[in-house]
Amino acid sequence: MNEEKDMADARTILADYRASIDNIDAALIHMLAERFRCTKAVGVLKATHGLPPADPAREQQQIARLRQLAKDAHLDPDFAEKFLNFVVREVIRHHEQIAASNGGETKTSLPTA
């Protein structure tokens, strides 16, 4: 009987953890949507002014900053960098699409988001 109660307690705890994970996942999706809304505006601004879709210097600054944030948060900095690189590649792809639809001309660098 004690074993059954332990199993029931474990299932309750697991359900609570999963509910928290589901809430965090929802928040991440909403935060990414907001980030991409902002980076789309940056892409339009860049395209309007003929600026390049990518800014390697800004990207390196962001990587260094987020690696430090990851360390401070006890998150694997390599994972954080891989995640940021994935997001930045997608942002640049969007900026390139926006620039192409705006004539594709570029002038000088302006930071990516």
Protein backbone atom coordinates (compact mmCIF):
# COMPACT_ATOMS: atom_id res chain seq x y z
CA MET A 1 0.00 0.00 0.00
CA ASN A 2 2.84 2.39 0.84
CA GLU A 3 4.36 1.72 -2.57
CA GLU A 4 1.08 2.67 -4.27
CA LYS A 5 0.95 5.96 -2.33
CA ASP A 6 4.57 6.71 -3.27
CA MET A 7 3.74 6.07 -6.93
CA ALA A 8 0.64 8.30 -6.73
CA ASP A 9 2.68 11.05 -5.08
CA ALA A 10 5.34 10.74 -7.78
CA ARG A 11 2.67 11.04 -10.50
CA THR A 12 1.28 14.18 -8.83
CA ILE A 13 4.74 15.74 -8.62
CA LEU A 14 5.44 14.78 -12.25
CA ALA A 15 2.17 16.40 -13.35
CA ASP A 16 3.11 19.59 -11.49
CA TYR A 17 6.55 19.69 -13.14
CA ARG A 18 5.00 19.10 -16.55
CA ALA A 19 2.47 21.89 -16.00
CA SER A 20 5.34 24.26 -15.18
CA ILE A 21 7.27 23.10 -18.26
CA ASP A 22 4.18 23.69 -20.42
CA ASN A 23 3.84 27.22 -19.00
CA ILE A 24 7.53 27.94 -19.66
CA ASP A 25 7.24 26.61 -23.22
CA ALA A 26 4.25 28.89 -23.84
CA ALA A 27 6.18 31.87 -22.47
CA LEU A 28 9.18 31.04 -24.68
CA ILE A 29 6.98 30.93 -27.77
CA HIS A 30 5.40 34.27 -26.93
CA MET A 31 8.81 35.81 -26.23
CA LEU A 32 10.21 34.51 -29.52
CA ALA A 33 7.18 35.88 -31.36
CA GLU A 34 7.79 39.31 -29.81
CA ARG A 35 11.50 39.13 -30.61
CA PHE A 36 10.78 38.31 -34.25
CA ARG A 37 8.18 41.10 -34.42
CA CYS A 38 10.93 43.52 -33.36
CA THR A 39 13.57 42.05 -35.66
CA LYS A 40 11.13 42.26 -38.57
CA ALA A 41 10.85 46.00 -37.88
CA VAL A 42 14.66 46.18 -37.83
CA GLY A 43 14.72 44.36 -41.18
CA VAL A 44 12.27 46.84 -42.69
CA LEU A 45 14.34 49.76 -41.34
CA LYS A 46 17.53 48.28 -42.79
CA ALA A 47 15.93 47.55 -46.15
CA THR A 48 14.40 51.02 -46.32
CA HIS A 49 17.81 52.58 -45.79
CA GLY A 50 19.77 50.10 -47.89
CA LEU A 51 21.63 48.65 -44.91
CA PRO A 52 22.98 45.06 -44.88
CA PRO A 53 20.86 42.29 -43.38
CA ALA A 54 23.72 41.00 -41.19
CA ASP A 55 26.10 42.69 -38.77
CA PRO A 56 28.85 40.23 -37.76
CA ALA A 57 30.29 42.60 -35.12
CA ARG A 58 26.88 42.92 -33.40
CA GLU A 59 26.43 39.16 -33.59
CA GLN A 60 29.79 38.56 -31.87
CA GLN A 61 28.88 41.05 -29.12
CA GLN A 62 25.57 39.28 -28.61
CA ILE A 63 27.25 35.88 -28.43
CA ALA A 64 29.69 37.09 -25.78
CA ARG A 65 26.91 38.79 -23.81
CA LEU A 66 24.58 35.77 -23.92
CA ARG A 67 27.38 33.33 -23.06
CA GLN A 68 28.03 35.37 -19.91
CA LEU A 69 24.32 35.51 -19.10
CA ALA A 70 24.16 31.74 -19.54
CA LYS A 71 27.11 31.23 -17.20
CA ASP A 72 25.51 33.50 -14.61
CA ALA A 73 22.24 31.54 -14.92
CA HIS A 74 24.02 28.16 -14.70
CA LEU A 75 23.04 27.29 -18.27
CA ASP A 76 25.53 25.70 -20.65
CA PRO A 77 27.07 28.65 -22.59
CA ASP A 78 27.62 26.41 -25.63
CA PHE A 79 23.91 25.63 -25.71
CA ALA A 80 23.07 29.33 -25.35
CA GLU A 81 25.41 30.18 -28.24
CA LYS A 82 23.93 27.48 -30.47
CA PHE A 83 20.44 28.74 -29.68
CA LEU A 84 21.40 32.35 -30.41
CA ASN A 85 23.11 31.35 -33.66
CA PHE A 86 19.95 29.56 -34.75
CA VAL A 87 17.82 32.61 -33.97
CA VAL A 88 20.26 35.02 -35.66
CA ARG A 89 20.37 32.88 -38.82
CA GLU A 90 16.58 33.03 -38.98
CA VAL A 91 16.59 36.80 -38.38
CA ILE A 92 19.15 37.32 -41.16
CA ARG A 93 17.10 35.13 -43.50
CA HIS A 94 14.07 37.33 -42.78
CA HIS A 95 16.13 40.50 -43.29
CA GLU A 96 17.42 39.17 -46.62
CA GLN A 97 13.86 38.45 -47.74
CA ILE A 98 12.75 41.93 -46.72
CA ALA A 99 15.76 43.50 -48.48
CA ALA A 100 15.09 41.48 -51.64
CA SER A 101 11.49 42.66 -51.70
CA ASN A 102 12.77 46.23 -51.25
CA GLY A 103 15.21 46.14 -54.13
CA GLY A 104 18.09 44.49 -52.30
CA GLU A 105 20.41 47.50 -52.10
CA THR A 106 22.63 47.90 -49.04
CA LYS A 107 24.83 50.74 -47.75
CA THR A 108 26.62 50.50 -44.39
CA SER A 109 26.32 48.25 -41.35
CA LEU A 110 23.64 48.65 -38.75
CA PRO A 111 23.28 46.18 -35.86
CA THR A 112 21.00 43.20 -36.25
CA ALA A 113 18.56 42.61 -33.46
